[in-house]
Amino acid sequence: MFYKKNTTGYKEIISGVKLKTLTYGDKTLLSEFLIEQGNSLPRHHHSCEQIGYLVSGSMLLTIGDETFEVSPGDSWAIKPNVIHSTAAVKNSVVIEVFSPVREEYLPENLL
């Protein structure tokens, strides 16, 4: 699978948070999140391991009981079933990898 960068295809999953799946395979999924300043992803957990990288912006990321100030170039790993959340201090672009594939993030399930 090959993905050519474009500005279409984002799905607003909650107010101020957009998601686009870039590519995926049998065991991993690569996604891009656009999080508008002042918006957040509430505390949640899932069965996937999650690895992320902040491309631009600024966020507060809580993993378990620890909160981190995230700046461009910072990265993180979240083990399966660990409660986490994020809040955008500035408009933020985030790249994340999920393993195994998050079925709900497959393009056909984001329609």
PDB file of N, CA and C in Angstrom:
ATOM      1  N   MET A   1       0.851  -1.169   0.000  1.00  0.00           N
ATOM      2  CA  MET A   1       0.000   0.000   0.000  1.00  0.00           C
ATOM      3  C   MET A   1       0.898   1.234   0.000  1.00  0.00           C
ATOM      4  N   PHE A   2       0.484   2.237  -0.740  1.00  0.00           N
ATOM      5  CA  PHE A   2       1.213   3.504  -0.831  1.00  0.00           C
ATOM      6  C   PHE A   2       0.239   4.635  -0.579  1.00  0.00           C
ATOM      7  N   TYR A   3       0.679   5.646   0.159  1.00  0.00           N
ATOM      8  CA  TYR A   3      -0.153   6.818   0.429  1.00  0.00           C
ATOM      9  C   TYR A   3       0.573   8.051  -0.073  1.00  0.00           C
ATOM     10  N   LYS A   4      -0.091   8.848  -0.876  1.00  0.00           N
ATOM     11  CA  LYS A   4       0.434  10.124  -1.358  1.00  0.00           C
ATOM     12  C   LYS A   4      -0.249  11.237  -0.578  1.00  0.00           C
ATOM     13  N   LYS A   5       0.526  12.091   0.071  1.00  0.00           N
ATOM     14  CA  LYS A   5      -0.021  13.141   0.920  1.00  0.00           C
ATOM     15  C   LYS A   5      -1.060  13.976   0.184  1.00  0.00           C
ATOM     16  N   ASN A   6      -2.190  14.194   0.876  1.00  0.00           N
ATOM     17  CA  ASN A   6      -3.223  15.103   0.394  1.00  0.00           C
ATOM     18  C   ASN A   6      -4.001  15.640   1.582  1.00  0.00           C
ATOM     19  N   THR A   7      -4.814  16.642   1.357  1.00  0.00           N
ATOM     20  CA  THR A   7      -5.504  17.310   2.461  1.00  0.00           C
ATOM     21  C   THR A   7      -6.954  16.871   2.606  1.00  0.00           C
ATOM     22  N   THR A   8      -7.355  15.819   1.907  1.00  0.00           N
ATOM     23  CA  THR A   8      -8.734  15.346   2.003  1.00  0.00           C
ATOM     24  C   THR A   8      -8.796  14.046   2.798  1.00  0.00           C
ATOM     25  N   GLY A   9     -10.017  13.633   3.112  1.00  0.00           N
ATOM     26  CA  GLY A   9     -10.222  12.327   3.720  1.00  0.00           C
ATOM     27  C   GLY A   9     -10.197  12.287   5.234  1.00  0.00           C
ATOM     28  N   TYR A  10     -10.201  13.442   5.902  1.00  0.00           N
ATOM     29  CA  TYR A  10     -10.231  13.456   7.359  1.00  0.00           C
ATOM     30  C   TYR A  10     -11.661  13.259   7.849  1.00  0.00           C
ATOM     31  N   LYS A  11     -11.785  12.560   8.953  1.00  0.00           N
ATOM     32  CA  LYS A  11     -13.083  12.326   9.589  1.00  0.00           C
ATOM     33  C   LYS A  11     -13.039  12.935  10.984  1.00  0.00           C
ATOM     34  N   GLU A  12     -14.017  13.786  11.300  1.00  0.00           N
ATOM     35  CA  GLU A  12     -14.072  14.355  12.643  1.00  0.00           C
ATOM     36  C   GLU A  12     -14.644  13.296  13.572  1.00  0.00           C
ATOM     37  N   ILE A  13     -13.791  12.801  14.498  1.00  0.00           N
ATOM     38  CA  ILE A  13     -14.233  11.711  15.377  1.00  0.00           C
ATOM     39  C   ILE A  13     -14.887  12.240  16.646  1.00  0.00           C
ATOM     40  N   ILE A  14     -14.456  13.409  17.102  1.00  0.00           N
ATOM     41  CA  ILE A  14     -15.132  14.174  18.140  1.00  0.00           C
ATOM     42  C   ILE A  14     -14.867  15.642  17.822  1.00  0.00           C
ATOM     43  N   SER A  15     -15.580  16.524  18.457  1.00  0.00           N
ATOM     44  CA  SER A  15     -15.457  17.944  18.146  1.00  0.00           C
ATOM     45  C   SER A  15     -14.003  18.414  18.246  1.00  0.00           C
ATOM     46  N   GLY A  16     -13.492  18.985  17.155  1.00  0.00           N
ATOM     47  CA  GLY A  16     -12.139  19.525  17.143  1.00  0.00           C
ATOM     48  C   GLY A  16     -11.034  18.515  16.947  1.00  0.00           C
ATOM     49  N   VAL A  17     -11.385  17.243  16.698  1.00  0.00           N
ATOM     50  CA  VAL A  17     -10.392  16.185  16.501  1.00  0.00           C
ATOM     51  C   VAL A  17     -10.710  15.437  15.211  1.00  0.00           C
ATOM     52  N   LYS A  18      -9.786  15.523  14.243  1.00  0.00           N
ATOM     53  CA  LYS A  18      -9.963  14.842  12.963  1.00  0.00           C
ATOM     54  C   LYS A  18      -8.926  13.740  12.820  1.00  0.00           C
ATOM     55  N   LEU A  19      -9.311  12.684  12.130  1.00  0.00           N
ATOM     56  CA  LEU A  19      -8.465  11.508  11.944  1.00  0.00           C
ATOM     57  C   LEU A  19      -8.455  11.120  10.476  1.00  0.00           C
ATOM     58  N   LYS A  20      -7.293  10.709  10.010  1.00  0.00           N
ATOM     59  CA  LYS A  20      -7.190  10.095   8.685  1.00  0.00           C
ATOM     60  C   LYS A  20      -6.233   8.914   8.805  1.00  0.00           C
ATOM     61  N   THR A  21      -6.658   7.753   8.335  1.00  0.00           N
ATOM     62  CA  THR A  21      -5.772   6.602   8.254  1.00  0.00           C
ATOM     63  C   THR A  21      -4.931   6.779   7.001  1.00  0.00           C
ATOM     64  N   LEU A  22      -3.611   6.727   7.172  1.00  0.00           N
ATOM     65  CA  LEU A  22      -2.693   6.925   6.055  1.00  0.00           C
ATOM     66  C   LEU A  22      -2.410   5.618   5.337  1.00  0.00           C
ATOM     67  N   THR A  23      -1.931   4.628   6.069  1.00  0.00           N
ATOM     68  CA  THR A  23      -1.677   3.301   5.512  1.00  0.00           C
ATOM     69  C   THR A  23      -1.896   2.267   6.608  1.00  0.00           C
ATOM     70  N   TYR A  24      -2.038   1.024   6.197  1.00  0.00           N
ATOM     71  CA  TYR A  24      -2.184  -0.059   7.163  1.00  0.00           C
ATOM     72  C   TYR A  24      -1.792  -1.375   6.512  1.00  0.00           C
ATOM     73  N   GLY A  25      -1.412  -2.307   7.368  1.00  0.00           N
ATOM     74  CA  GLY A  25      -1.065  -3.647   6.921  1.00  0.00           C
ATOM     75  C   GLY A  25      -1.845  -4.664   7.719  1.00  0.00           C
ATOM     76  N   ASP A  26      -1.306  -5.859   7.806  1.00  0.00           N
ATOM     77  CA  ASP A  26      -1.985  -6.907   8.560  1.00  0.00           C
ATOM     78  C   ASP A  26      -1.893  -6.697  10.069  1.00  0.00           C
ATOM     79  N   LYS A  27      -0.794  -6.048  10.532  1.00  0.00           N
ATOM     80  CA  LYS A  27      -0.557  -5.953  11.974  1.00  0.00           C
ATOM     81  C   LYS A  27      -0.445  -4.534  12.508  1.00  0.00           C
ATOM     82  N   THR A  28      -0.309  -3.531  11.634  1.00  0.00           N
ATOM     83  CA  THR A  28      -0.145  -2.151  12.101  1.00  0.00           C
ATOM     84  C   THR A  28      -0.983  -1.192  11.259  1.00  0.00           C
ATOM     85  N   LEU A  29      -1.274  -0.040  11.845  1.00  0.00           N
ATOM     86  CA  LEU A  29      -2.040   1.009  11.179  1.00  0.00           C
ATOM     87  C   LEU A  29      -1.384   2.344  11.493  1.00  0.00           C
ATOM     88  N   LEU A  30      -1.191   3.184  10.469  1.00  0.00           N
ATOM     89  CA  LEU A  30      -0.577   4.503  10.607  1.00  0.00           C
ATOM     90  C   LEU A  30      -1.659   5.552  10.389  1.00  0.00           C
ATOM     91  N   SER A  31      -1.792   6.479  11.336  1.00  0.00           N
ATOM     92  CA  SER A  31      -2.842   7.480  11.241  1.00  0.00           C
ATOM     93  C   SER A  31      -2.301   8.871  11.539  1.00  0.00           C
ATOM     94  N   GLU A  32      -3.065   9.859  11.089  1.00  0.00           N
ATOM     95  CA  GLU A  32      -2.737  11.259  11.354  1.00  0.00           C
ATOM     96  C   GLU A  32      -3.943  11.887  12.046  1.00  0.00           C
ATOM     97  N   PHE A  33      -3.672  12.580  13.137  1.00  0.00           N
ATOM     98  CA  PHE A  33      -4.708  13.298  13.862  1.00  0.00           C
ATOM     99  C   PHE A  33      -4.450  14.794  13.745  1.00  0.00           C
ATOM    100  N   LEU A  34      -5.507  15.568  13.539  1.00  0.00           N
ATOM    101  CA  LEU A  34      -5.466  17.021  13.606  1.00  0.00           C
ATOM    102  C   LEU A  34      -6.316  17.415  14.801  1.00  0.00           C
ATOM    103  N   ILE A  35      -5.679  18.027  15.791  1.00  0.00           N
ATOM    104  CA  ILE A  35      -6.397  18.384  17.014  1.00  0.00           C
ATOM    105  C   ILE A  35      -6.344  19.902  17.158  1.00  0.00           C
ATOM    106  N   GLU A  36      -7.518  20.523  17.150  1.00  0.00           N
ATOM    107  CA  GLU A  36      -7.589  21.975  17.253  1.00  0.00           C
ATOM    108  C   GLU A  36      -7.327  22.431  18.683  1.00  0.00           C
ATOM    109  N   GLN A  37      -6.654  23.569  18.795  1.00  0.00           N
ATOM    110  CA  GLN A  37      -6.338  24.160  20.095  1.00  0.00           C
ATOM    111  C   GLN A  37      -7.588  24.186  20.975  1.00  0.00           C
ATOM    112  N   GLY A  38      -7.407  23.769  22.228  1.00  0.00           N
ATOM    113  CA  GLY A  38      -8.496  23.776  23.191  1.00  0.00           C
ATOM    114  C   GLY A  38      -9.352  22.523  23.179  1.00  0.00           C
ATOM    115  N   ASN A  39      -9.116  21.621  22.237  1.00  0.00           N
ATOM    116  CA  ASN A  39      -9.880  20.380  22.170  1.00  0.00           C
ATOM    117  C   ASN A  39      -9.041  19.225  22.697  1.00  0.00           C
ATOM    118  N   SER A  40      -9.716  18.111  22.972  1.00  0.00           N
ATOM    119  CA  SER A  40      -8.998  16.995  23.591  1.00  0.00           C
ATOM    120  C   SER A  40      -9.615  15.659  23.220  1.00  0.00           C
ATOM    121  N   LEU A  41      -8.820  14.632  23.440  1.00  0.00           N
ATOM    122  CA  LEU A  41      -9.311  13.258  23.414  1.00  0.00           C
ATOM    123  C   LEU A  41      -9.448  12.855  24.876  1.00  0.00           C
ATOM    124  N   PRO A  42     -10.661  12.518  25.318  1.00  0.00           N
ATOM    125  CA  PRO A  42     -10.865  12.208  26.739  1.00  0.00           C
ATOM    126  C   PRO A  42     -10.167  10.922  27.153  1.00  0.00           C
ATOM    127  N   ARG A  43     -10.084  10.710  28.450  1.00  0.00           N
ATOM    128  CA  ARG A  43      -9.471   9.496  28.996  1.00  0.00           C
ATOM    129  C   ARG A  43     -10.147   8.273  28.382  1.00  0.00           C
ATOM    130  N   HIS A  44      -9.300   7.360  27.891  1.00  0.00           N
ATOM    131  CA  HIS A  44      -9.805   6.137  27.282  1.00  0.00           C
ATOM    132  C   HIS A  44      -8.696   5.097  27.272  1.00  0.00           C
ATOM    133  N   HIS A  45      -9.038   3.898  26.890  1.00  0.00           N
ATOM    134  CA  HIS A  45      -8.047   2.837  26.704  1.00  0.00           C
ATOM    135  C   HIS A  45      -8.555   1.913  25.618  1.00  0.00           C
ATOM    136  N   HIS A  46      -7.647   1.117  25.066  1.00  0.00           N
ATOM    137  CA  HIS A  46      -7.994   0.158  24.031  1.00  0.00           C
ATOM    138  C   HIS A  46      -6.960  -0.961  24.056  1.00  0.00           C
ATOM    139  N   SER A  47      -7.228  -2.004  23.311  1.00  0.00           N
ATOM    140  CA  SER A  47      -6.362  -3.182  23.356  1.00  0.00           C
ATOM    141  C   SER A  47      -5.137  -3.074  22.457  1.00  0.00           C
ATOM    142  N   CYS A  48      -4.979  -1.948  21.769  1.00  0.00           N
ATOM    143  CA  CYS A  48      -3.845  -1.767  20.857  1.00  0.00           C
ATOM    144  C   CYS A  48      -2.673  -1.081  21.550  1.00  0.00           C
ATOM    145  N   GLU A  49      -1.464  -1.473  21.160  1.00  0.00           N
ATOM    146  CA  GLU A  49      -0.289  -0.683  21.513  1.00  0.00           C
ATOM    147  C   GLU A  49      -0.311   0.537  20.606  1.00  0.00           C
ATOM    148  N   GLN A  50       0.121   1.685  21.142  1.00  0.00           N
ATOM    149  CA  GLN A  50       0.043   2.950  20.408  1.00  0.00           C
ATOM    150  C   GLN A  50       1.371   3.679  20.531  1.00  0.00           C
ATOM    151  N   ILE A  51       1.935   4.080  19.396  1.00  0.00           N
ATOM    152  CA  ILE A  51       3.174   4.846  19.376  1.00  0.00           C
ATOM    153  C   ILE A  51       2.901   6.124  18.603  1.00  0.00           C
ATOM    154  N   GLY A  52       3.292   7.276  19.177  1.00  0.00           N
ATOM    155  CA  GLY A  52       2.974   8.546  18.545  1.00  0.00           C
ATOM    156  C   GLY A  52       4.155   9.477  18.425  1.00  0.00           C
ATOM    157  N   TYR A  53       3.966  10.493  17.560  1.00  0.00           N
ATOM    158  CA  TYR A  53       4.991  11.502  17.271  1.00  0.00           C
ATOM    159  C   TYR A  53       4.270  12.820  17.002  1.00  0.00           C
ATOM    160  N   LEU A  54       4.674  13.884  17.694  1.00  0.00           N
ATOM    161  CA  LEU A  54       4.067  15.192  17.461  1.00  0.00           C
ATOM    162  C   LEU A  54       4.820  15.908  16.352  1.00  0.00           C
ATOM    163  N   VAL A  55       4.129  16.158  15.233  1.00  0.00           N
ATOM    164  CA  VAL A  55       4.708  16.838  14.082  1.00  0.00           C
ATOM    165  C   VAL A  55       4.747  18.342  14.335  1.00  0.00           C
ATOM    166  N   SER A  56       3.628  18.894  14.798  1.00  0.00           N
ATOM    167  CA  SER A  56       3.553  20.334  15.058  1.00  0.00           C
ATOM    168  C   SER A  56       2.524  20.604  16.140  1.00  0.00           C
ATOM    169  N   GLY A  57       2.640  21.771  16.761  1.00  0.00           N
ATOM    170  CA  GLY A  57       1.703  22.165  17.804  1.00  0.00           C
ATOM    171  C   GLY A  57       2.263  21.960  19.187  1.00  0.00           C
ATOM    172  N   SER A  58       1.364  21.791  20.136  1.00  0.00           N
ATOM    173  CA  SER A  58       1.721  21.585  21.539  1.00  0.00           C
ATOM    174  C   SER A  58       0.551  20.892  22.217  1.00  0.00           C
ATOM    175  N   MET A  59       0.855  19.885  23.051  1.00  0.00           N
ATOM    176  CA  MET A  59      -0.188  19.117  23.719  1.00  0.00           C
ATOM    177  C   MET A  59       0.216  18.785  25.150  1.00  0.00           C
ATOM    178  N   LEU A  60      -0.785  18.461  25.928  1.00  0.00           N
ATOM    179  CA  LEU A  60      -0.578  17.819  27.222  1.00  0.00           C
ATOM    180  C   LEU A  60      -1.073  16.391  27.050  1.00  0.00           C
ATOM    181  N   LEU A  61      -0.191  15.444  27.272  1.00  0.00           N
ATOM    182  CA  LEU A  61      -0.489  14.021  27.092  1.00  0.00           C
ATOM    183  C   LEU A  61      -0.419  13.339  28.448  1.00  0.00           C
ATOM    184  N   THR A  62      -1.496  12.680  28.821  1.00  0.00           N
ATOM    185  CA  THR A  62      -1.516  11.934  30.074  1.00  0.00           C
ATOM    186  C   THR A  62      -1.536  10.448  29.744  1.00  0.00           C
ATOM    187  N   ILE A  63      -0.557   9.723  30.292  1.00  0.00           N
ATOM    188  CA  ILE A  63      -0.459   8.272  30.156  1.00  0.00           C
ATOM    189  C   ILE A  63      -0.467   7.717  31.567  1.00  0.00           C
ATOM    190  N   GLY A  64      -1.515   6.970  31.896  1.00  0.00           N
ATOM    191  CA  GLY A  64      -1.647   6.506  33.273  1.00  0.00           C
ATOM    192  C   GLY A  64      -1.800   7.694  34.196  1.00  0.00           C
ATOM    193  N   ASP A  65      -0.895   7.832  35.170  1.00  0.00           N
ATOM    194  CA  ASP A  65      -0.946   8.934  36.130  1.00  0.00           C
ATOM    195  C   ASP A  65       0.047  10.044  35.822  1.00  0.00           C
ATOM    196  N   GLU A  66       0.776   9.949  34.705  1.00  0.00           N
ATOM    197  CA  GLU A  66       1.783  10.944  34.359  1.00  0.00           C
ATOM    198  C   GLU A  66       1.304  11.837  33.217  1.00  0.00           C
ATOM    199  N   THR A  67       1.550  13.154  33.357  1.00  0.00           N
ATOM    200  CA  THR A  67       1.217  14.105  32.306  1.00  0.00           C
ATOM    201  C   THR A  67       2.503  14.709  31.767  1.00  0.00           C
ATOM    202  N   PHE A  68       2.576  14.793  30.425  1.00  0.00           N
ATOM    203  CA  PHE A  68       3.771  15.287  29.743  1.00  0.00           C
ATOM    204  C   PHE A  68       3.406  16.485  28.874  1.00  0.00           C
ATOM    205  N   GLU A  69       4.278  17.495  28.861  1.00  0.00           N
ATOM    206  CA  GLU A  69       4.161  18.597  27.917  1.00  0.00           C
ATOM    207  C   GLU A  69       4.850  18.145  26.638  1.00  0.00           C
ATOM    208  N   VAL A  70       4.093  18.041  25.555  1.00  0.00           N
ATOM    209  CA  VAL A  70       4.609  17.472  24.309  1.00  0.00           C
ATOM    210  C   VAL A  70       4.870  18.593  23.304  1.00  0.00           C
ATOM    211  N   SER A  71       6.079  18.596  22.754  1.00  0.00           N
ATOM    212  CA  SER A  71       6.512  19.581  21.763  1.00  0.00           C
ATOM    213  C   SER A  71       6.844  18.868  20.453  1.00  0.00           C
ATOM    214  N   PRO A  72       6.874  19.602  19.330  1.00  0.00           N
ATOM    215  CA  PRO A  72       7.213  18.960  18.057  1.00  0.00           C
ATOM    216  C   PRO A  72       8.521  18.166  18.151  1.00  0.00           C
ATOM    217  N   GLY A  73       8.482  16.953  17.618  1.00  0.00           N
ATOM    218  CA  GLY A  73       9.630  16.060  17.662  1.00  0.00           C
ATOM    219  C   GLY A  73       9.585  15.072  18.806  1.00  0.00           C
ATOM    220  N   ASP A  74       8.708  15.285  19.801  1.00  0.00           N
ATOM    221  CA  ASP A  74       8.571  14.347  20.918  1.00  0.00           C
ATOM    222  C   ASP A  74       7.766  13.128  20.476  1.00  0.00           C
ATOM    223  N   SER A  75       8.033  12.003  21.115  1.00  0.00           N
ATOM    224  CA  SER A  75       7.311  10.769  20.794  1.00  0.00           C
ATOM    225  C   SER A  75       6.975  10.018  22.070  1.00  0.00           C
ATOM    226  N   TRP A  76       6.091   9.029  21.959  1.00  0.00           N
ATOM    227  CA  TRP A  76       5.626   8.283  23.121  1.00  0.00           C
ATOM    228  C   TRP A  76       5.168   6.890  22.694  1.00  0.00           C
ATOM    229  N   ALA A  77       5.077   6.021  23.686  1.00  0.00           N
ATOM    230  CA  ALA A  77       4.532   4.677  23.491  1.00  0.00           C
ATOM    231  C   ALA A  77       3.555   4.405  24.622  1.00  0.00           C
ATOM    232  N   ILE A  78       2.403   3.868  24.266  1.00  0.00           N
ATOM    233  CA  ILE A  78       1.367   3.554  25.250  1.00  0.00           C
ATOM    234  C   ILE A  78       1.051   2.066  25.114  1.00  0.00           C
ATOM    235  N   LYS A  79       1.237   1.343  26.201  1.00  0.00           N
ATOM    236  CA  LYS A  79       0.960  -0.099  26.192  1.00  0.00           C
ATOM    237  C   LYS A  79      -0.552  -0.338  26.110  1.00  0.00           C
ATOM    238  N   PRO A  80      -0.953  -1.526  25.659  1.00  0.00           N
ATOM    239  CA  PRO A  80      -2.382  -1.842  25.580  1.00  0.00           C
ATOM    240  C   PRO A  80      -3.075  -1.684  26.929  1.00  0.00           C
ATOM    241  N   ASN A  81      -4.299  -1.200  26.881  1.00  0.00           N
ATOM    242  CA  ASN A  81      -5.206  -1.075  28.035  1.00  0.00           C
ATOM    243  C   ASN A  81      -4.752  -0.078  29.093  1.00  0.00           C
ATOM    244  N   VAL A  82      -3.800   0.796  28.775  1.00  0.00           N
ATOM    245  CA  VAL A  82      -3.399   1.859  29.702  1.00  0.00           C
ATOM    246  C   VAL A  82      -4.265   3.083  29.418  1.00  0.00           C
ATOM    247  N   ILE A  83      -4.848   3.646  30.453  1.00  0.00           N
ATOM    248  CA  ILE A  83      -5.701   4.828  30.286  1.00  0.00           C
ATOM    249  C   ILE A  83      -4.832   6.012  29.895  1.00  0.00           C
ATOM    250  N   HIS A  84      -5.309   6.773  28.893  1.00  0.00           N
ATOM    251  CA  HIS A  84      -4.558   7.934  28.417  1.00  0.00           C
ATOM    252  C   HIS A  84      -5.520   8.972  27.837  1.00  0.00           C
ATOM    253  N   SER A  85      -5.012  10.204  27.710  1.00  0.00           N
ATOM    254  CA  SER A  85      -5.793  11.300  27.146  1.00  0.00           C
ATOM    255  C   SER A  85      -4.830  12.359  26.637  1.00  0.00           C
ATOM    256  N   THR A  86      -5.356  13.290  25.839  1.00  0.00           N
ATOM    257  CA  THR A  86      -4.522  14.386  25.354  1.00  0.00           C
ATOM    258  C   THR A  86      -5.356  15.642  25.208  1.00  0.00           C
ATOM    259  N   ALA A  87      -4.716  16.783  25.401  1.00  0.00           N
ATOM    260  CA  ALA A  87      -5.361  18.084  25.224  1.00  0.00           C
ATOM    261  C   ALA A  87      -4.434  18.964  24.398  1.00  0.00           C
ATOM    262  N   ALA A  88      -4.977  19.584  23.356  1.00  0.00           N
ATOM    263  CA  ALA A  88      -4.172  20.427  22.473  1.00  0.00           C
ATOM    264  C   ALA A  88      -4.044  21.825  23.059  1.00  0.00           C
ATOM    265  N   VAL A  89      -2.806  22.219  23.353  1.00  0.00           N
ATOM    266  CA  VAL A  89      -2.511  23.573  23.817  1.00  0.00           C
ATOM    267  C   VAL A  89      -2.489  24.517  22.615  1.00  0.00           C
ATOM    268  N   LYS A  90      -1.993  24.015  21.470  1.00  0.00           N
ATOM    269  CA  LYS A  90      -2.001  24.708  20.180  1.00  0.00           C
ATOM    270  C   LYS A  90      -2.551  23.731  19.154  1.00  0.00           C
ATOM    271  N   ASN A  91      -2.955  24.225  17.997  1.00  0.00           N
ATOM    272  CA  ASN A  91      -3.333  23.309  16.911  1.00  0.00           C
ATOM    273  C   ASN A  91      -2.206  22.304  16.722  1.00  0.00           C
ATOM    274  N   SER A  92      -2.547  21.014  16.671  1.00  0.00           N
ATOM    275  CA  SER A  92      -1.521  19.974  16.659  1.00  0.00           C
ATOM    276  C   SER A  92      -1.751  18.958  15.551  1.00  0.00           C
ATOM    277  N   VAL A  93      -0.641  18.489  14.986  1.00  0.00           N
ATOM    278  CA  VAL A  93      -0.644  17.394  14.020  1.00  0.00           C
ATOM    279  C   VAL A  93       0.122  16.251  14.664  1.00  0.00           C
ATOM    280  N   VAL A  94      -0.529  15.097  14.760  1.00  0.00           N
ATOM    281  CA  VAL A  94       0.029  13.935  15.448  1.00  0.00           C
ATOM    282  C   VAL A  94       0.013  12.732  14.498  1.00  0.00           C
ATOM    283  N   ILE A  95       1.118  12.004  14.454  1.00  0.00           N
ATOM    284  CA  ILE A  95       1.190  10.751  13.717  1.00  0.00           C
ATOM    285  C   ILE A  95       1.217   9.624  14.749  1.00  0.00           C
ATOM    286  N   GLU A  96       0.363   8.609  14.540  1.00  0.00           N
ATOM    287  CA  GLU A  96       0.332   7.496  15.485  1.00  0.00           C
ATOM    288  C   GLU A  96       0.247   6.159  14.752  1.00  0.00           C
ATOM    289  N   VAL A  97       0.888   5.172  15.364  1.00  0.00           N
ATOM    290  CA  VAL A  97       0.874   3.796  14.873  1.00  0.00           C
ATOM    291  C   VAL A  97       0.149   2.951  15.910  1.00  0.00           C
ATOM    292  N   PHE A  98      -0.747   2.094  15.435  1.00  0.00           N
ATOM    293  CA  PHE A  98      -1.482   1.190  16.310  1.00  0.00           C
ATOM    294  C   PHE A  98      -1.200  -0.247  15.895  1.00  0.00           C
ATOM    295  N   SER A  99      -0.986  -1.113  16.900  1.00  0.00           N
ATOM    296  CA  SER A  99      -0.797  -2.529  16.645  1.00  0.00           C
ATOM    297  C   SER A  99      -1.481  -3.310  17.760  1.00  0.00           C
ATOM    298  N   PRO A 100      -2.343  -4.268  17.435  1.00  0.00           N
ATOM    299  CA  PRO A 100      -2.778  -4.607  16.096  1.00  0.00           C
ATOM    300  C   PRO A 100      -3.616  -3.479  15.483  1.00  0.00           C
ATOM    301  N   VAL A 101      -4.025  -3.666  14.256  1.00  0.00           N
ATOM    302  CA  VAL A 101      -4.814  -2.675  13.532  1.00  0.00           C
ATOM    303  C   VAL A 101      -6.076  -2.338  14.327  1.00  0.00           C
ATOM    304  N   ARG A 102      -6.368  -1.040  14.457  1.00  0.00           N
ATOM    305  CA  ARG A 102      -7.637  -0.622  15.055  1.00  0.00           C
ATOM    306  C   ARG A 102      -8.687  -0.695  13.963  1.00  0.00           C
ATOM    307  N   GLU A 103      -9.512  -1.693  14.049  1.00  0.00           N
ATOM    308  CA  GLU A 103     -10.515  -1.954  13.008  1.00  0.00           C
ATOM    309  C   GLU A 103     -11.395  -0.733  12.756  1.00  0.00           C
ATOM    310  N   GLU A 104     -11.762  -0.003  13.812  1.00  0.00           N
ATOM    311  CA  GLU A 104     -12.634   1.164  13.637  1.00  0.00           C
ATOM    312  C   GLU A 104     -11.957   2.301  12.888  1.00  0.00           C
ATOM    313  N   TYR A 105     -10.612   2.249  12.733  1.00  0.00           N
ATOM    314  CA  TYR A 105      -9.890   3.275  11.999  1.00  0.00           C
ATOM    315  C   TYR A 105      -9.614   2.887  10.542  1.00  0.00           C
ATOM    316  N   LEU A 106     -10.032   1.717  10.114  1.00  0.00           N
ATOM    317  CA  LEU A 106      -9.889   1.355   8.714  1.00  0.00           C
ATOM    318  C   LEU A 106     -10.761   2.286   7.870  1.00  0.00           C
ATOM    319  N   PRO A 107     -10.275   2.691   6.706  1.00  0.00           N
ATOM    320  CA  PRO A 107     -11.001   3.685   5.904  1.00  0.00           C
ATOM    321  C   PRO A 107     -12.486   3.359   5.695  1.00  0.00           C
ATOM    322  N   GLU A 108     -12.797   2.110   5.427  1.00  0.00           N
ATOM    323  CA  GLU A 108     -14.206   1.751   5.189  1.00  0.00           C
ATOM    324  C   GLU A 108     -15.063   1.895   6.440  1.00  0.00           C
ATOM    325  N   ASN A 109     -14.444   1.882   7.618  1.00  0.00           N
ATOM    326  CA  ASN A 109     -15.196   2.036   8.872  1.00  0.00           C
ATOM    327  C   ASN A 109     -15.276   3.476   9.325  1.00  0.00           C
ATOM    328  N   LEU A 110     -14.565   4.375   8.653  1.00  0.00           N
ATOM    329  CA  LEU A 110     -14.571   5.801   9.008  1.00  0.00           C
ATOM    330  C   LEU A 110     -15.591   6.594   8.196  1.00  0.00           C
ATOM    331  N   LEU A 111     -16.315   5.944   7.313  1.00  0.00           N
ATOM    332  CA  LEU A 111     -17.284   6.649   6.457  1.00  0.00           C
ATOM    333  C   LEU A 111     -18.422   7.236   7.245  1.00  0.00           C
TER     334      LEU A 111
END
